[in-house]
Protein backbone atom coordinates (compact mmCIF):
# COMPACT_ATOMS: atom_id res chain seq x y z
CA MET A 1 104.51 111.15 140.01
CA ALA A 2 107.67 110.15 138.14
CA ASP A 3 107.42 106.62 139.54
CA PHE A 4 103.77 106.41 138.40
CA ILE A 5 104.72 107.48 134.87
CA ASN A 6 107.65 105.06 134.74
CA HIS A 7 105.47 102.23 136.01
CA HIS A 8 102.87 102.91 133.33
CA LEU A 9 105.22 104.03 130.56
CA GLY A 10 103.73 101.54 128.10
CA GLU A 11 100.17 102.71 128.77
CA PHE A 12 101.13 106.39 128.39
CA ALA A 13 102.96 105.62 125.14
CA ALA A 14 99.83 103.86 123.86
CA LEU A 15 97.68 106.88 124.78
CA LEU A 16 100.07 109.19 122.93
CA THR A 17 99.90 106.80 119.98
CA ALA A 18 96.11 107.15 119.94
CA PHE A 19 96.42 110.96 119.83
CA PHE A 20 99.02 110.78 117.05
CA TRP A 21 96.88 108.38 115.02
CA THR A 22 93.87 110.69 115.42
CA ILE A 23 95.82 113.45 113.68
CA THR A 24 97.02 110.93 111.11
CA ALA A 25 93.49 109.73 110.35
CA LEU A 26 92.29 113.28 109.68
CA ALA A 27 95.32 114.07 107.52
CA PHE A 28 95.14 110.87 105.47
CA GLU A 29 91.39 111.22 104.97
CA SER A 30 92.01 114.63 103.42
CA ALA A 31 95.01 113.42 101.40
CA SER A 32 93.23 110.33 100.06
CA LYS A 33 90.44 112.51 98.69
CA LYS A 34 93.04 114.58 96.85
CA ILE A 35 95.48 111.99 95.48
CA GLY A 36 94.00 108.53 96.14
CA SER A 37 94.55 105.98 98.91
CA LEU A 38 97.13 103.81 97.12
CA ALA A 39 99.37 106.81 96.43
CA VAL A 40 98.93 108.02 100.00
CA ASN A 41 100.00 104.60 101.31
CA ILE A 42 103.40 104.54 99.65
CA ILE A 43 104.09 108.29 99.85
CA ARG A 44 103.38 108.33 103.61
CA LEU A 45 105.83 105.46 104.14
CA VAL A 46 108.59 107.09 102.08
CA ILE A 47 108.17 110.38 103.96
CA GLY A 48 107.99 108.51 107.26
CA PHE A 49 111.21 106.73 106.34
CA VAL A 50 112.92 110.12 105.80
CA PHE A 51 111.76 111.35 109.23
CA LEU A 52 112.95 108.14 110.87
CA SER A 53 116.32 108.28 109.11
CA ILE A 54 116.95 111.86 110.27
CA TYR A 55 115.89 111.04 113.83
CA ASN A 56 118.03 107.90 114.00
CA LEU A 57 121.03 109.76 112.56
CA ILE A 58 120.74 112.40 115.28
CA THR A 59 120.04 110.05 118.20
CA ARG A 60 121.82 106.86 117.19
CA LYS A 61 124.40 108.02 114.59
CA PHE A 62 122.93 105.51 112.12
CA VAL A 63 120.94 106.50 109.03
CA LEU A 64 119.85 102.89 108.55
CA PRO A 65 119.24 100.17 111.18
CA ILE A 66 122.51 98.39 110.34
CA ASP A 67 123.00 97.37 113.98
CA ALA A 68 119.82 95.28 113.99
CA THR A 69 120.20 91.55 114.41
CA LEU A 70 118.94 88.98 111.93
CA HIS A 71 116.17 88.21 114.44
CA ASN A 72 115.11 91.89 114.40
CA TRP A 73 115.12 92.06 110.60
CA ILE A 74 113.16 88.86 110.04
CA TRP A 75 110.33 89.44 112.51
CA LEU A 76 110.03 93.21 111.99
CA THR A 77 109.99 92.75 108.20
CA ILE A 78 107.19 90.21 108.48
CA SER A 79 105.41 92.58 110.86
CA GLY A 80 105.72 95.45 108.37
CA LEU A 81 104.37 93.38 105.49
CA ILE A 82 101.42 92.09 107.51
CA GLY A 83 100.62 95.35 109.31
CA PHE A 84 101.37 98.04 106.72
CA VAL A 85 100.59 96.16 103.52
CA PHE A 86 98.05 93.38 104.19
CA GLY A 87 96.26 95.14 107.07
CA ASP A 88 96.00 98.55 105.41
CA LEU A 89 95.00 97.13 102.03
CA CYS A 90 92.13 95.20 103.64
CA LEU A 91 91.05 98.21 105.68
CA PHE A 92 91.00 100.59 102.70
CA LYS A 93 89.07 98.01 100.67
CA SER A 94 86.47 97.69 103.42
CA TYR A 95 86.02 101.49 103.37
CA THR A 96 84.83 101.26 99.75
CA ILE A 97 82.32 98.50 100.53
CA ILE A 98 80.79 99.20 103.95
CA GLY A 99 82.17 102.68 104.72
CA SER A 100 84.67 103.88 107.30
CA ARG A 101 82.18 103.98 110.22
CA PHE A 102 81.40 100.26 110.06
CA SER A 103 85.00 99.43 109.19
CA MET A 104 86.26 101.26 112.28
CA LEU A 105 83.65 99.50 114.39
CA ILE A 106 84.93 96.12 113.23
CA MET A 107 88.51 97.34 113.79
CA THR A 108 87.72 97.52 117.51
CA LEU A 109 88.19 93.75 117.33
CA VAL A 110 91.93 94.49 117.24
CA PRO A 111 92.46 94.44 121.06
CA PRO A 112 90.93 91.01 121.73
CA ILE A 113 92.55 89.59 118.58
CA THR A 114 95.88 91.04 119.74
CA ALA A 115 95.42 89.52 123.18
CA LEU A 116 94.60 86.16 121.56
CA PHE A 117 97.70 86.24 119.35
CA SER A 118 99.82 87.35 122.33
CA TRP A 119 98.57 84.43 124.39
CA ILE A 120 99.18 81.92 121.58
CA MET A 121 102.53 83.24 120.35
CA ILE A 122 104.31 84.71 123.37
CA GLY A 123 102.32 83.48 126.36
CA GLU A 124 101.17 86.89 127.63
CA LYS A 125 98.42 86.77 130.22
CA LEU A 126 95.99 89.52 131.16
CA LYS A 127 94.62 90.14 134.65
CA LEU A 128 90.86 90.14 135.24
CA LEU A 129 91.01 93.91 135.81
CA HIS A 130 92.68 94.36 132.42
CA LEU A 131 89.96 92.28 130.77
CA LEU A 132 87.37 94.56 132.38
CA GLY A 133 89.17 97.62 131.04
CA MET A 134 89.29 96.05 127.60
CA ALA A 135 85.57 95.29 127.72
CA LEU A 136 84.71 98.84 128.83
CA THR A 137 86.89 100.42 126.16
CA PHE A 138 85.54 98.10 123.49
CA SER A 139 81.93 98.87 124.50
CA GLY A 140 82.48 102.61 124.58
CA ILE A 141 84.18 102.73 121.17
CA ALA A 142 81.47 100.55 119.66
CA MET A 143 78.75 102.77 121.09
CA ALA A 144 80.40 105.92 119.72
CA ILE A 145 80.82 104.50 116.23
CA PHE A 146 77.37 102.94 116.07
CA SER A 147 75.78 106.27 116.97
CA ARG A 148 77.52 108.20 114.21
CA GLU A 149 75.38 108.76 111.15
CA GLY A 150 76.62 110.14 107.87
CA LYS A 151 74.64 112.53 105.70
CA GLY A 152 71.53 110.76 104.50
CA GLU A 153 72.73 107.49 106.04
CA LYS A 154 70.78 105.30 108.43
CA LEU A 155 72.33 102.85 110.85
CA SER A 156 71.92 99.33 109.57
CA LEU A 157 73.39 95.97 110.45
CA LYS A 158 72.82 94.62 106.98
CA LEU A 159 76.43 94.76 105.80
CA ALA A 160 77.99 93.24 102.72
CA PRO A 161 79.81 90.03 103.76
CA SER A 162 82.81 90.99 101.63
CA GLY A 163 83.12 94.33 103.45
CA ILE A 164 83.02 92.58 106.81
CA PHE A 165 85.61 90.09 105.56
CA PHE A 166 88.04 92.85 104.51
CA ALA A 167 87.53 94.81 107.73
CA ILE A 168 88.25 91.70 109.80
CA GLY A 169 91.33 91.19 107.62
CA GLY A 170 92.42 94.73 108.50
CA ALA A 171 91.92 94.01 112.21
CA ILE A 172 93.87 90.75 111.98
CA GLY A 173 96.67 92.49 110.07
CA GLN A 174 97.03 95.25 112.67
CA ALA A 175 96.81 92.85 115.62
CA LEU A 176 99.24 90.28 114.23
CA GLY A 177 101.61 93.03 113.08
CA LEU A 178 101.70 94.42 116.62
CA VAL A 179 102.47 91.07 118.23
CA LEU A 180 105.14 90.26 115.63
CA SER A 181 106.64 93.69 116.31
CA LYS A 182 106.95 92.82 119.97
CA ILE A 183 108.65 89.52 119.09
CA GLY A 184 111.07 91.26 116.73
CA LEU A 185 111.70 94.28 118.94
CA GLY A 186 113.30 92.72 122.01
CA ASP A 187 115.70 95.29 123.48
CA TYR A 188 116.20 97.03 120.15
CA ASP A 189 115.44 100.74 119.64
CA PRO A 190 111.72 101.25 118.81
CA PHE A 191 112.38 104.00 116.23
CA ALA A 192 114.97 101.91 114.41
CA ALA A 193 112.58 98.95 114.57
CA THR A 194 109.86 101.10 113.01
CA GLN A 195 112.31 101.97 110.24
CA ILE A 196 112.67 98.27 109.41
CA ARG A 197 108.87 97.86 109.32
CA VAL A 198 108.56 100.92 107.05
CA ILE A 199 111.22 99.56 104.68
CA ALA A 200 109.24 96.33 104.43
CA GLY A 201 106.05 98.31 103.82
CA ILE A 202 107.63 100.37 101.04
CA ALA A 203 108.94 97.20 99.39
CA GLY A 204 105.53 95.54 99.65
CA PHE A 205 103.60 98.48 98.19
CA SER A 206 106.22 98.98 95.47
CA PHE A 207 105.69 95.39 94.39
CA LEU A 208 101.91 95.82 94.34
CA ILE A 209 102.02 99.12 92.44
CA THR A 210 104.36 97.55 89.88
CA ILE A 211 102.16 94.53 89.19
CA MET A 212 99.10 96.80 89.09
CA SER A 213 100.87 99.27 86.73
CA ARG A 214 99.94 102.24 88.94
CA TRP A 215 103.22 104.18 89.05
CA GLY A 216 101.72 106.77 86.69
CA SER A 217 99.03 107.68 89.22
CA VAL A 218 101.65 107.89 91.98
CA LYS A 219 103.71 110.30 89.86
CA THR A 220 100.61 112.44 89.27
CA ALA A 221 99.87 112.41 93.01
CA ILE A 222 103.36 113.70 93.84
CA GLY A 223 102.60 116.76 91.72
CA ASN A 224 99.62 117.64 93.94
CA LYS A 225 101.17 119.96 96.54
CA ALA A 226 98.15 120.06 98.84
CA GLY A 227 97.87 116.28 98.83
CA VAL A 228 101.58 115.78 99.52
CA LEU A 229 101.49 118.38 102.32
CA THR A 230 98.67 116.65 104.18
CA THR A 231 100.31 113.28 103.54
CA THR A 232 103.53 114.65 105.07
CA LEU A 233 101.59 115.76 108.16
CA GLY A 234 100.04 112.31 108.43
CA ALA A 235 103.41 110.63 107.89
CA PHE A 236 104.99 112.63 110.72
CA PHE A 237 102.32 111.62 113.23
CA GLY A 238 101.75 108.14 111.71
CA PRO A 239 104.70 106.05 110.43
CA PHE A 240 107.17 108.26 112.37
CA LEU A 241 105.74 109.14 115.80
CA GLY A 242 102.62 106.97 115.98
CA VAL A 243 104.08 103.63 114.94
CA SER A 244 107.28 104.24 116.92
CA PHE A 245 105.38 105.03 120.10
CA SER A 246 103.22 101.96 119.53
CA LEU A 247 106.41 99.89 119.70
CA VAL A 248 107.49 101.76 122.85
CA SER A 249 104.12 100.80 124.27
CA VAL A 250 104.32 97.07 123.50
CA LYS A 251 107.89 97.08 124.84
CA PHE A 252 106.76 98.20 128.29
CA THR A 253 103.28 96.67 128.62
CA GLU A 254 101.22 93.74 127.34
CA ALA A 255 100.31 93.95 123.65
CA GLY A 256 96.61 93.46 124.43
CA ILE A 257 96.57 96.42 126.81
CA ALA A 258 98.52 98.63 124.39
CA SER A 259 96.23 97.72 121.52
CA THR A 260 93.10 98.51 123.54
CA ILE A 261 94.30 101.99 124.49
CA MET A 262 95.39 102.68 120.90
CA ALA A 263 91.86 101.74 119.79
CA LEU A 264 90.54 104.99 121.31
CA VAL A 265 91.12 106.79 118.00
CA PRO A 266 87.46 106.61 116.85
CA VAL A 267 86.43 108.35 120.07
CA LEU A 268 89.26 110.90 120.15
CA ILE A 269 88.44 111.93 116.59
CA ILE A 270 84.96 113.16 117.59
CA LEU A 271 86.13 116.56 118.92
CA PRO A 272 88.28 117.53 115.91
CA ALA A 273 85.45 116.34 113.66
CA ILE A 274 83.15 118.84 115.39
CA ILE A 275 85.68 121.67 115.07
CA LEU A 276 86.94 120.93 111.54
CA TYR A 277 83.86 119.44 109.88
CA LYS A 278 81.06 120.93 112.05
CA GLN A 279 79.65 117.47 112.75
CA LYS A 280 76.95 117.06 115.40
CA VAL A 281 77.60 114.82 118.37
CA THR A 282 74.85 112.61 119.79
CA VAL A 283 74.29 111.72 123.44
CA ALA A 284 75.29 108.14 122.64
CA GLU A 285 78.68 109.33 121.33
CA ILE A 286 79.31 111.32 124.52
CA ILE A 287 78.36 108.36 126.70
CA GLY A 288 80.52 106.10 124.56
CA ALA A 289 83.49 108.44 125.00
CA ILE A 290 83.04 108.49 128.78
CA ILE A 291 82.85 104.69 128.93
CA SER A 292 85.95 104.39 126.75
CA VAL A 293 87.94 106.78 128.94
CA ALA A 294 86.80 104.79 132.00
CA GLY A 295 88.06 101.65 130.32
CA VAL A 296 91.45 103.23 129.69
CA ALA A 297 91.57 104.45 133.32
CA VAL A 298 91.22 100.85 134.51
CA PHE A 299 94.57 100.02 132.91
CA PHE A 300 96.27 102.59 135.15
CA MET A 301 95.00 101.01 138.40
């Protein structure tokens, strides 16, 4: 059993990442409704940075990643700017245009885009069995998201081109950020590497908030205890555990495989949505979940 886990350490780390990001999605959805998405973005990164600093101090005796090489800093900084800033900004913008359901559907493009970038940039190749698993997972997630209907909302493929554009931008940002993370990570500690990415994200959002003159709204958001509490919960499972485990995953398996397993979030979120928000689940969503789990299982063969 231990050998099986060690052999598939990257896949298990990716699965844990998906669970962590499910919790994060629920927490940030709640927080964004209370204090706004822009404030949530920078507050979550600052809190995540605190968690990472404490963890690294305990485990590595370093508060900051001062032992990172120039190679680590350059590539992980670029990864943080592209993933945390560009990717998240595009994704949040798409939410306001075409809604989260369609945005998350388009975000399932992340695995094949990641595999494409991995092939172009670092020469990673996927086996035919892995491609089958990716296809199954992609199909299951798409089926689950397509079947979900909001209150008074009908499923339609007539989407605003700008919304599709921003959602694709979000997918590209996440995929490229993941591959760049793998390039910058090397043999370096994944949690310290995440700290570098978070620092870059904080710097990027600080610049944007400054030029947009939005620091007043951020200050107001900090005064909202409920919003900060849920943001803290999301930060713990997102920028701290989730992103760090995503780097553990890409360190021990192909980025395309890791990205596909992480893309299970829209399916994993169905059960807590039933419990917390009393949402009804359709047969198509159940079938989609089964297909997605089957796709993930293929990666363990």
